[in-house]
Amino acid sequence: LVHESHVRLPGYPRPIRQIIMRGNGHEKPTFLITND
């Protein structure tokens, strides 16, 4: 399962794409960030 949004990060000049992933074999959610 995934949830997509754009977030602000310290030191990064613009909102960046964030993908939160669940149900991938890990106990806690995984947070991916990409400029794509």
PDB file of all heavy atoms in Angstrom:
ATOM      1  N   LEU A   1       0.855  -1.187   0.000  1.00  0.00           N
ATOM      2  CA  LEU A   1       0.000   0.000   0.000  1.00  0.00           C
ATOM      3  C   LEU A   1       0.889   1.235   0.000  1.00  0.00           C
ATOM      4  O   LEU A   1       1.920   1.272   0.685  1.00  0.00           O
ATOM      5  CB  LEU A   1      -0.901   0.012   1.240  1.00  0.00           C
ATOM      6  CG  LEU A   1      -1.996  -1.047   1.285  1.00  0.00           C
ATOM      7  CD1 LEU A   1      -2.603  -1.120   2.681  1.00  0.00           C
ATOM      8  CD2 LEU A   1      -3.079  -0.749   0.244  1.00  0.00           C
ATOM      9  N   VAL A   2       0.504   2.264  -0.756  1.00  0.00           N
ATOM     10  CA  VAL A   2       1.313   3.479  -0.841  1.00  0.00           C
ATOM     11  C   VAL A   2       0.449   4.715  -0.644  1.00  0.00           C
ATOM     12  O   VAL A   2      -0.748   4.715  -0.928  1.00  0.00           O
ATOM     13  CB  VAL A   2       2.056   3.578  -2.201  1.00  0.00           C
ATOM     14  CG1 VAL A   2       3.047   2.434  -2.366  1.00  0.00           C
ATOM     15  CG2 VAL A   2       1.076   3.603  -3.361  1.00  0.00           C
ATOM     16  N   HIS A   3       1.085   5.753  -0.126  1.00  0.00           N
ATOM     17  CA  HIS A   3       0.449   7.075   0.010  1.00  0.00           C
ATOM     18  C   HIS A   3       1.434   8.109  -0.504  1.00  0.00           C
ATOM     19  O   HIS A   3       2.594   8.136  -0.083  1.00  0.00           O
ATOM     20  CB  HIS A   3       0.099   7.380   1.466  1.00  0.00           C
ATOM     21  CG  HIS A   3      -0.338   8.788   1.690  1.00  0.00           C
ATOM     22  ND1 HIS A   3      -1.587   9.254   1.320  1.00  0.00           N
ATOM     23  CD2 HIS A   3       0.311   9.852   2.232  1.00  0.00           C
ATOM     24  CE1 HIS A   3      -1.692  10.528   1.632  1.00  0.00           C
ATOM     25  NE2 HIS A   3      -0.555  10.922   2.185  1.00  0.00           N
ATOM     26  N   GLU A   4       1.003   8.962  -1.418  1.00  0.00           N
ATOM     27  CA  GLU A   4       1.893   9.934  -2.066  1.00  0.00           C
ATOM     28  C   GLU A   4       1.528  11.363  -1.676  1.00  0.00           C
ATOM     29  O   GLU A   4       0.347  11.713  -1.575  1.00  0.00           O
ATOM     30  CB  GLU A   4       1.818   9.781  -3.586  1.00  0.00           C
ATOM     31  CG  GLU A   4       2.747  10.691  -4.348  1.00  0.00           C
ATOM     32  CD  GLU A   4       2.721  10.436  -5.846  1.00  0.00           C
ATOM     33  OE1 GLU A   4       1.939   9.579  -6.292  1.00  0.00           O
ATOM     34  OE2 GLU A   4       3.469  11.111  -6.568  1.00  0.00           O
ATOM     35  N   SER A   5       2.560  12.199  -1.461  1.00  0.00           N
ATOM     36  CA  SER A   5       2.363  13.616  -1.152  1.00  0.00           C
ATOM     37  C   SER A   5       3.656  14.357  -1.473  1.00  0.00           C
ATOM     38  O   SER A   5       4.647  13.761  -1.891  1.00  0.00           O
ATOM     39  CB  SER A   5       1.999  13.800   0.323  1.00  0.00           C
ATOM     40  OG  SER A   5       3.053  13.346   1.155  1.00  0.00           O
ATOM     41  N   HIS A   6       3.629  15.682  -1.291  1.00  0.00           N
ATOM     42  CA  HIS A   6       4.827  16.504  -1.411  1.00  0.00           C
ATOM     43  C   HIS A   6       5.091  17.162  -0.051  1.00  0.00           C
ATOM     44  O   HIS A   6       4.155  17.680   0.575  1.00  0.00           O
ATOM     45  CB  HIS A   6       4.681  17.570  -2.504  1.00  0.00           C
ATOM     46  CG  HIS A   6       4.905  17.024  -3.887  1.00  0.00           C
ATOM     47  ND1 HIS A   6       3.967  16.251  -4.535  1.00  0.00           N
ATOM     48  CD2 HIS A   6       5.976  17.125  -4.731  1.00  0.00           C
ATOM     49  CE1 HIS A   6       4.433  15.913  -5.727  1.00  0.00           C
ATOM     50  NE2 HIS A   6       5.639  16.419  -5.861  1.00  0.00           N
ATOM     51  N   VAL A   7       6.343  17.118   0.390  1.00  0.00           N
ATOM     52  CA  VAL A   7       6.690  17.599   1.727  1.00  0.00           C
ATOM     53  C   VAL A   7       7.883  18.551   1.641  1.00  0.00           C
ATOM     54  O   VAL A   7       8.623  18.560   0.661  1.00  0.00           O
ATOM     55  CB  VAL A   7       7.032  16.425   2.675  1.00  0.00           C
ATOM     56  CG1 VAL A   7       5.825  15.519   2.861  1.00  0.00           C
ATOM     57  CG2 VAL A   7       8.228  15.631   2.153  1.00  0.00           C
ATOM     58  N   ARG A   8       8.041  19.337   2.684  1.00  0.00           N
ATOM     59  CA  ARG A   8       9.192  20.223   2.831  1.00  0.00           C
ATOM     60  C   ARG A   8      10.258  19.553   3.694  1.00  0.00           C
ATOM     61  O   ARG A   8       9.935  18.964   4.715  1.00  0.00           O
ATOM     62  CB  ARG A   8       8.771  21.546   3.472  1.00  0.00           C
ATOM     63  CG  ARG A   8       7.953  22.448   2.563  1.00  0.00           C
ATOM     64  CD  ARG A   8       8.849  23.257   1.674  1.00  0.00           C
ATOM     65  NE  ARG A   8       8.121  24.249   0.881  1.00  0.00           N
ATOM     66  CZ  ARG A   8       8.704  25.020  -0.037  1.00  0.00           C
ATOM     67  NH1 ARG A   8      10.012  24.925  -0.248  1.00  0.00           N
ATOM     68  NH2 ARG A   8       7.994  25.883  -0.727  1.00  0.00           N
ATOM     69  N   LEU A   9      11.516  19.648   3.262  1.00  0.00           N
ATOM     70  CA  LEU A   9      12.631  19.102   4.028  1.00  0.00           C
ATOM     71  C   LEU A   9      13.617  20.216   4.353  1.00  0.00           C
ATOM     72  O   LEU A   9      13.828  21.113   3.517  1.00  0.00           O
ATOM     73  CB  LEU A   9      13.357  18.011   3.224  1.00  0.00           C
ATOM     74  CG  LEU A   9      12.533  16.786   2.819  1.00  0.00           C
ATOM     75  CD1 LEU A   9      13.382  15.853   1.962  1.00  0.00           C
ATOM     76  CD2 LEU A   9      12.010  16.054   4.043  1.00  0.00           C
ATOM     77  N   PRO A  10      14.243  20.190   5.517  1.00  0.00           N
ATOM     78  CA  PRO A  10      15.232  21.228   5.859  1.00  0.00           C
ATOM     79  C   PRO A  10      16.432  21.176   4.919  1.00  0.00           C
ATOM     80  O   PRO A  10      17.002  20.118   4.669  1.00  0.00           O
ATOM     81  CB  PRO A  10      15.642  20.868   7.300  1.00  0.00           C
ATOM     82  CG  PRO A  10      15.257  19.422   7.459  1.00  0.00           C
ATOM     83  CD  PRO A  10      14.062  19.207   6.597  1.00  0.00           C
ATOM     84  N   GLY A  11      16.785  22.342   4.359  1.00  0.00           N
ATOM     85  CA  GLY A  11      17.927  22.402   3.455  1.00  0.00           C
ATOM     86  C   GLY A  11      17.598  22.078   2.015  1.00  0.00           C
ATOM     87  O   GLY A  11      18.475  22.163   1.142  1.00  0.00           O
ATOM     88  N   TYR A  12      16.340  21.699   1.741  1.00  0.00           N
ATOM     89  CA  TYR A  12      15.917  21.390   0.370  1.00  0.00           C
ATOM     90  C   TYR A  12      15.001  22.512  -0.094  1.00  0.00           C
ATOM     91  O   TYR A  12      14.034  22.845   0.606  1.00  0.00           O
ATOM     92  CB  TYR A  12      15.206  20.046   0.323  1.00  0.00           C
ATOM     93  CG  TYR A  12      15.143  19.443  -1.061  1.00  0.00           C
ATOM     94  CD1 TYR A  12      16.210  18.716  -1.567  1.00  0.00           C
ATOM     95  CD2 TYR A  12      14.026  19.611  -1.869  1.00  0.00           C
ATOM     96  CE1 TYR A  12      16.168  18.166  -2.845  1.00  0.00           C
ATOM     97  CE2 TYR A  12      13.965  19.069  -3.140  1.00  0.00           C
ATOM     98  CZ  TYR A  12      15.037  18.342  -3.630  1.00  0.00           C
ATOM     99  OH  TYR A  12      14.992  17.803  -4.899  1.00  0.00           O
ATOM    100  N   PRO A  13      15.265  23.113  -1.273  1.00  0.00           N
ATOM    101  CA  PRO A  13      14.620  24.385  -1.617  1.00  0.00           C
ATOM    102  C   PRO A  13      13.157  24.323  -2.026  1.00  0.00           C
ATOM    103  O   PRO A  13      12.487  25.346  -2.048  1.00  0.00           O
ATOM    104  CB  PRO A  13      15.477  24.889  -2.786  1.00  0.00           C
ATOM    105  CG  PRO A  13      16.007  23.643  -3.419  1.00  0.00           C
ATOM    106  CD  PRO A  13      16.246  22.687  -2.275  1.00  0.00           C
ATOM    107  N   ARG A  14      12.637  23.158  -2.335  1.00  0.00           N
ATOM    108  CA  ARG A  14      11.255  23.084  -2.829  1.00  0.00           C
ATOM    109  C   ARG A  14      10.580  21.839  -2.270  1.00  0.00           C
ATOM    110  O   ARG A  14      11.244  20.935  -1.763  1.00  0.00           O
ATOM    111  CB  ARG A  14      11.247  23.051  -4.365  1.00  0.00           C
ATOM    112  CG  ARG A  14      11.905  21.806  -4.976  1.00  0.00           C
ATOM    113  CD  ARG A  14      11.902  21.877  -6.491  1.00  0.00           C
ATOM    114  NE  ARG A  14      12.510  20.699  -7.097  1.00  0.00           N
ATOM    115  CZ  ARG A  14      11.851  19.592  -7.445  1.00  0.00           C
ATOM    116  NH1 ARG A  14      10.547  19.509  -7.208  1.00  0.00           N
ATOM    117  NH2 ARG A  14      12.473  18.570  -8.017  1.00  0.00           N
ATOM    118  N   PRO A  15       9.244  21.765  -2.357  1.00  0.00           N
ATOM    119  CA  PRO A  15       8.567  20.545  -1.915  1.00  0.00           C
ATOM    120  C   PRO A  15       9.047  19.344  -2.723  1.00  0.00           C
ATOM    121  O   PRO A  15       9.242  19.435  -3.933  1.00  0.00           O
ATOM    122  CB  PRO A  15       7.083  20.842  -2.170  1.00  0.00           C
ATOM    123  CG  PRO A  15       6.989  22.330  -2.165  1.00  0.00           C
ATOM    124  CD  PRO A  15       8.280  22.824  -2.743  1.00  0.00           C
ATOM    125  N   ILE A  16       9.246  18.222  -2.055  1.00  0.00           N
ATOM    126  CA  ILE A  16       9.757  17.030  -2.708  1.00  0.00           C
ATOM    127  C   ILE A  16       8.730  15.913  -2.602  1.00  0.00           C
ATOM    128  O   ILE A  16       7.964  15.835  -1.637  1.00  0.00           O
ATOM    129  CB  ILE A  16      11.111  16.606  -2.085  1.00  0.00           C
ATOM    130  CG1 ILE A  16      11.795  15.528  -2.931  1.00  0.00           C
ATOM    131  CG2 ILE A  16      10.936  16.136  -0.640  1.00  0.00           C
ATOM    132  CD1 ILE A  16      13.222  15.250  -2.516  1.00  0.00           C
ATOM    133  N   ARG A  17       8.711  15.069  -3.607  1.00  0.00           N
ATOM    134  CA  ARG A  17       7.753  13.965  -3.668  1.00  0.00           C
ATOM    135  C   ARG A  17       8.093  12.908  -2.605  1.00  0.00           C
ATOM    136  O   ARG A  17       9.220  12.444  -2.523  1.00  0.00           O
ATOM    137  CB  ARG A  17       7.803  13.337  -5.059  1.00  0.00           C
ATOM    138  CG  ARG A  17       6.766  12.255  -5.327  1.00  0.00           C
ATOM    139  CD  ARG A  17       6.961  11.706  -6.733  1.00  0.00           C
ATOM    140  NE  ARG A  17       5.916  10.768  -7.114  1.00  0.00           N
ATOM    141  CZ  ARG A  17       5.925  10.072  -8.260  1.00  0.00           C
ATOM    142  NH1 ARG A  17       6.934  10.237  -9.108  1.00  0.00           N
ATOM    143  NH2 ARG A  17       4.951   9.235  -8.549  1.00  0.00           N
ATOM    144  N   GLN A  18       7.095  12.553  -1.809  1.00  0.00           N
ATOM    145  CA  GLN A  18       7.269  11.539  -0.779  1.00  0.00           C
ATOM    146  C   GLN A  18       6.264  10.414  -0.992  1.00  0.00           C
ATOM    147  O   GLN A  18       5.089  10.655  -1.221  1.00  0.00           O
ATOM    148  CB  GLN A  18       7.073  12.130   0.617  1.00  0.00           C
ATOM    149  CG  GLN A  18       7.108  11.102   1.741  1.00  0.00           C
ATOM    150  CD  GLN A  18       6.964  11.728   3.111  1.00  0.00           C
ATOM    151  OE1 GLN A  18       7.935  12.130   3.724  1.00  0.00           O
ATOM    152  NE2 GLN A  18       5.729  11.825   3.599  1.00  0.00           N
ATOM    153  N   ILE A  19       6.757   9.188  -0.908  1.00  0.00           N
ATOM    154  CA  ILE A  19       5.902   8.009  -1.048  1.00  0.00           C
ATOM    155  C   ILE A  19       6.054   7.172   0.226  1.00  0.00           C
ATOM    156  O   ILE A  19       7.152   6.724   0.546  1.00  0.00           O
ATOM    157  CB  ILE A  19       6.293   7.171  -2.283  1.00  0.00           C
ATOM    158  CG1 ILE A  19       6.145   8.005  -3.562  1.00  0.00           C
ATOM    159  CG2 ILE A  19       5.447   5.902  -2.367  1.00  0.00           C
ATOM    160  CD1 ILE A  19       6.761   7.365  -4.792  1.00  0.00           C
ATOM    161  N   ILE A  20       4.963   7.005   0.949  1.00  0.00           N
ATOM    162  CA  ILE A  20       4.973   6.162   2.140  1.00  0.00           C
ATOM    163  C   ILE A  20       4.468   4.775   1.733  1.00  0.00           C
ATOM    164  O   ILE A  20       3.463   4.661   1.028  1.00  0.00           O
ATOM    165  CB  ILE A  20       4.078   6.734   3.254  1.00  0.00           C
ATOM    166  CG1 ILE A  20       4.414   8.209   3.518  1.00  0.00           C
ATOM    167  CG2 ILE A  20       4.238   5.932   4.537  1.00  0.00           C
ATOM    168  CD1 ILE A  20       3.493   8.877   4.517  1.00  0.00           C
ATOM    169  N   MET A  21       5.166   3.747   2.174  1.00  0.00           N
ATOM    170  CA  MET A  21       4.841   2.392   1.755  1.00  0.00           C
ATOM    171  C   MET A  21       4.594   1.500   2.974  1.00  0.00           C
ATOM    172  O   MET A  21       5.368   1.528   3.931  1.00  0.00           O
ATOM    173  CB  MET A  21       5.996   1.847   0.907  1.00  0.00           C
ATOM    174  CG  MET A  21       5.738   0.521   0.255  1.00  0.00           C
ATOM    175  SD  MET A  21       6.912   0.141  -1.087  1.00  0.00           S
ATOM    176  CE  MET A  21       8.480   0.604  -0.333  1.00  0.00           C
ATOM    177  N   ARG A  22       3.519   0.733   2.904  1.00  0.00           N
ATOM    178  CA  ARG A  22       3.175  -0.242   3.951  1.00  0.00           C
ATOM    179  C   ARG A  22       2.942  -1.597   3.302  1.00  0.00           C
ATOM    180  O   ARG A  22       2.684  -1.697   2.113  1.00  0.00           O
ATOM    181  CB  ARG A  22       1.898   0.175   4.680  1.00  0.00           C
ATOM    182  CG  ARG A  22       2.015   1.381   5.562  1.00  0.00           C
ATOM    183  CD  ARG A  22       0.657   1.812   6.081  1.00  0.00           C
ATOM    184  NE  ARG A  22      -0.115   0.683   6.612  1.00  0.00           N
ATOM    185  CZ  ARG A  22      -1.430   0.709   6.814  1.00  0.00           C
ATOM    186  NH1 ARG A  22      -2.118   1.787   6.533  1.00  0.00           N
ATOM    187  NH2 ARG A  22      -2.044  -0.339   7.301  1.00  0.00           N
ATOM    188  N   GLY A  23       3.038  -2.656   4.118  1.00  0.00           N
ATOM    189  CA  GLY A  23       2.773  -3.994   3.596  1.00  0.00           C
ATOM    190  C   GLY A  23       3.874  -4.518   2.704  1.00  0.00           C
ATOM    191  O   GLY A  23       3.618  -5.308   1.793  1.00  0.00           O
ATOM    192  N   ASN A  24       5.116  -4.074   2.970  1.00  0.00           N
ATOM    193  CA  ASN A  24       6.256  -4.513   2.163  1.00  0.00           C
ATOM    194  C   ASN A  24       7.203  -5.413   2.951  1.00  0.00           C
ATOM    195  O   ASN A  24       8.369  -5.554   2.608  1.00  0.00           O
ATOM    196  CB  ASN A  24       7.021  -3.298   1.629  1.00  0.00           C
ATOM    197  CG  ASN A  24       7.556  -2.410   2.738  1.00  0.00           C
ATOM    198  OD1 ASN A  24       7.035  -2.408   3.846  1.00  0.00           O
ATOM    199  ND2 ASN A  24       8.589  -1.651   2.451  1.00  0.00           N
ATOM    200  N   GLY A  25       6.689  -6.011   4.016  1.00  0.00           N
ATOM    201  CA  GLY A  25       7.504  -6.920   4.807  1.00  0.00           C
ATOM    202  C   GLY A  25       8.179  -6.276   6.000  1.00  0.00           C
ATOM    203  O   GLY A  25       8.827  -6.962   6.792  1.00  0.00           O
ATOM    204  N   HIS A  26       8.051  -4.952   6.149  1.00  0.00           N
ATOM    205  CA  HIS A  26       8.635  -4.247   7.285  1.00  0.00           C
ATOM    206  C   HIS A  26       7.546  -3.891   8.297  1.00  0.00           C
ATOM    207  O   HIS A  26       6.404  -3.602   7.925  1.00  0.00           O
ATOM    208  CB  HIS A  26       9.354  -2.975   6.819  1.00  0.00           C
ATOM    209  CG  HIS A  26      10.507  -3.250   5.902  1.00  0.00           C
ATOM    210  ND1 HIS A  26      11.758  -3.587   6.352  1.00  0.00           N
ATOM    211  CD2 HIS A  26      10.588  -3.246   4.549  1.00  0.00           C
ATOM    212  CE1 HIS A  26      12.570  -3.776   5.332  1.00  0.00           C
ATOM    213  NE2 HIS A  26      11.888  -3.581   4.219  1.00  0.00           N
ATOM    214  N   GLU A  27       7.910  -3.876   9.560  1.00  0.00           N
ATOM    215  CA  GLU A  27       6.930  -3.593  10.612  1.00  0.00           C
ATOM    216  C   GLU A  27       6.444  -2.155  10.536  1.00  0.00           C
ATOM    217  O   GLU A  27       5.252  -1.889  10.709  1.00  0.00           O
ATOM    218  CB  GLU A  27       7.560  -3.874  11.984  1.00  0.00           C
ATOM    219  CG  GLU A  27       6.607  -3.646  13.141  1.00  0.00           C
ATOM    220  CD  GLU A  27       7.258  -3.921  14.483  1.00  0.00           C
ATOM    221  OE1 GLU A  27       8.410  -4.422  14.509  1.00  0.00           O
ATOM    222  OE2 GLU A  27       6.632  -3.619  15.520  1.00  0.00           O
ATOM    223  N   LYS A  28       7.354  -1.209  10.298  1.00  0.00           N
ATOM    224  CA  LYS A  28       7.006   0.207  10.230  1.00  0.00           C
ATOM    225  C   LYS A  28       6.923   0.675   8.777  1.00  0.00           C
ATOM    226  O   LYS A  28       7.538   0.077   7.890  1.00  0.00           O
ATOM    227  CB  LYS A  28       8.060   1.037  10.971  1.00  0.00           C
ATOM    228  CG  LYS A  28       8.204   0.685  12.445  1.00  0.00           C
ATOM    229  CD  LYS A  28       6.928   0.986  13.219  1.00  0.00           C
ATOM    230  CE  LYS A  28       7.111   0.703  14.702  1.00  0.00           C
ATOM    231  NZ  LYS A  28       5.870   0.956  15.466  1.00  0.00           N
ATOM    232  N   PRO A  29       6.182   1.755   8.499  1.00  0.00           N
ATOM    233  CA  PRO A  29       6.105   2.277   7.134  1.00  0.00           C
ATOM    234  C   PRO A  29       7.475   2.716   6.617  1.00  0.00           C
ATOM    235  O   PRO A  29       8.338   3.144   7.382  1.00  0.00           O
ATOM    236  CB  PRO A  29       5.154   3.480   7.262  1.00  0.00           C
ATOM    237  CG  PRO A  29       4.413   3.265   8.532  1.00  0.00           C
ATOM    238  CD  PRO A  29       5.335   2.520   9.432  1.00  0.00           C
ATOM    239  N   THR A  30       7.679   2.581   5.312  1.00  0.00           N
ATOM    240  CA  THR A  30       8.891   3.028   4.649  1.00  0.00           C
ATOM    241  C   THR A  30       8.602   4.347   3.945  1.00  0.00           C
ATOM    242  O   THR A  30       7.583   4.481   3.266  1.00  0.00           O
ATOM    243  CB  THR A  30       9.365   1.979   3.622  1.00  0.00           C
ATOM    244  OG1 THR A  30       9.644   0.757   4.303  1.00  0.00           O
ATOM    245  CG2 THR A  30      10.611   2.447   2.896  1.00  0.00           C
ATOM    246  N   PHE A  31       9.509   5.338   4.073  1.00  0.00           N
ATOM    247  CA  PHE A  31       9.325   6.662   3.481  1.00  0.00           C
ATOM    248  C   PHE A  31      10.340   6.847   2.358  1.00  0.00           C
ATOM    249  O   PHE A  31      11.545   6.956   2.604  1.00  0.00           O
ATOM    250  CB  PHE A  31       9.512   7.758   4.532  1.00  0.00           C
ATOM    251  CG  PHE A  31       8.461   7.780   5.602  1.00  0.00           C
ATOM    252  CD1 PHE A  31       8.481   6.836   6.622  1.00  0.00           C
ATOM    253  CD2 PHE A  31       7.445   8.722   5.585  1.00  0.00           C
ATOM    254  CE1 PHE A  31       7.515   6.843   7.615  1.00  0.00           C
ATOM    255  CE2 PHE A  31       6.467   8.738   6.576  1.00  0.00           C
ATOM    256  CZ  PHE A  31       6.502   7.789   7.595  1.00  0.00           C
ATOM    257  N   LEU A  32       9.859   6.890   1.114  1.00  0.00           N
ATOM    258  CA  LEU A  32      10.717   7.178  -0.029  1.00  0.00           C
ATOM    259  C   LEU A  32      10.583   8.649  -0.398  1.00  0.00           C
ATOM    260  O   LEU A  32       9.489   9.216  -0.326  1.00  0.00           O
ATOM    261  CB  LEU A  32      10.321   6.334  -1.244  1.00  0.00           C
ATOM    262  CG  LEU A  32      10.403   4.819  -1.137  1.00  0.00           C
ATOM    263  CD1 LEU A  32       9.954   4.181  -2.449  1.00  0.00           C
ATOM    264  CD2 LEU A  32      11.808   4.381  -0.789  1.00  0.00           C
ATOM    265  N   ILE A  33      11.695   9.289  -0.795  1.00  0.00           N
ATOM    266  CA  ILE A  33      11.641  10.646  -1.340  1.00  0.00           C
ATOM    267  C   ILE A  33      12.383  10.641  -2.673  1.00  0.00           C
ATOM    268  O   ILE A  33      13.393   9.942  -2.844  1.00  0.00           O
ATOM    269  CB  ILE A  33      12.241  11.697  -0.380  1.00  0.00           C
ATOM    270  CG1 ILE A  33      13.631  11.285   0.105  1.00  0.00           C
ATOM    271  CG2 ILE A  33      11.307  11.961   0.783  1.00  0.00           C
ATOM    272  CD1 ILE A  33      14.322  12.333   0.960  1.00  0.00           C
ATOM    273  N   THR A  34      11.879  11.422  -3.615  1.00  0.00           N
ATOM    274  CA  THR A  34      12.476  11.484  -4.944  1.00  0.00           C
ATOM    275  C   THR A  34      12.189  12.842  -5.574  1.00  0.00           C
ATOM    276  O   THR A  34      11.160  13.461  -5.291  1.00  0.00           O
ATOM    277  CB  THR A  34      11.934  10.357  -5.848  1.00  0.00           C
ATOM    278  OG1 THR A  34      12.514  10.476  -7.157  1.00  0.00           O
ATOM    279  CG2 THR A  34      10.420  10.411  -5.976  1.00  0.00           C
ATOM    280  N   ASN A  35      13.104  13.296  -6.427  1.00  0.00           N
ATOM    281  CA  ASN A  35      12.866  14.525  -7.183  1.00  0.00           C
ATOM    282  C   ASN A  35      12.283  14.222  -8.553  1.00  0.00           C
ATOM    283  O   ASN A  35      12.167  15.122  -9.389  1.00  0.00           O
ATOM    284  CB  ASN A  35      14.155  15.340  -7.315  1.00  0.00           C
ATOM    285  CG  ASN A  35      15.238  14.600  -8.093  1.00  0.00           C
ATOM    286  OD1 ASN A  35      15.170  13.381  -8.274  1.00  0.00           O
ATOM    287  ND2 ASN A  35      16.239  15.327  -8.549  1.00  0.00           N
ATOM    288  N   ASP A  36      11.930  12.979  -8.793  1.00  0.00           N
ATOM    289  CA  ASP A  36      11.289  12.558 -10.042  1.00  0.00           C
ATOM    290  C   ASP A  36       9.779  12.668  -9.866  1.00  0.00           C
ATOM    291  O   ASP A  36       9.156  11.817  -9.225  1.00  0.00           O
ATOM    292  CB  ASP A  36      11.701  11.123 -10.376  1.00  0.00           C
ATOM    293  CG  ASP A  36      11.195  10.668 -11.736  1.00  0.00           C
ATOM    294  OD1 ASP A  36      10.306  11.333 -12.297  1.00  0.00           O
ATOM    295  OD2 ASP A  36      11.697   9.643 -12.240  1.00  0.00           O
TER     296      ASP A  36
END
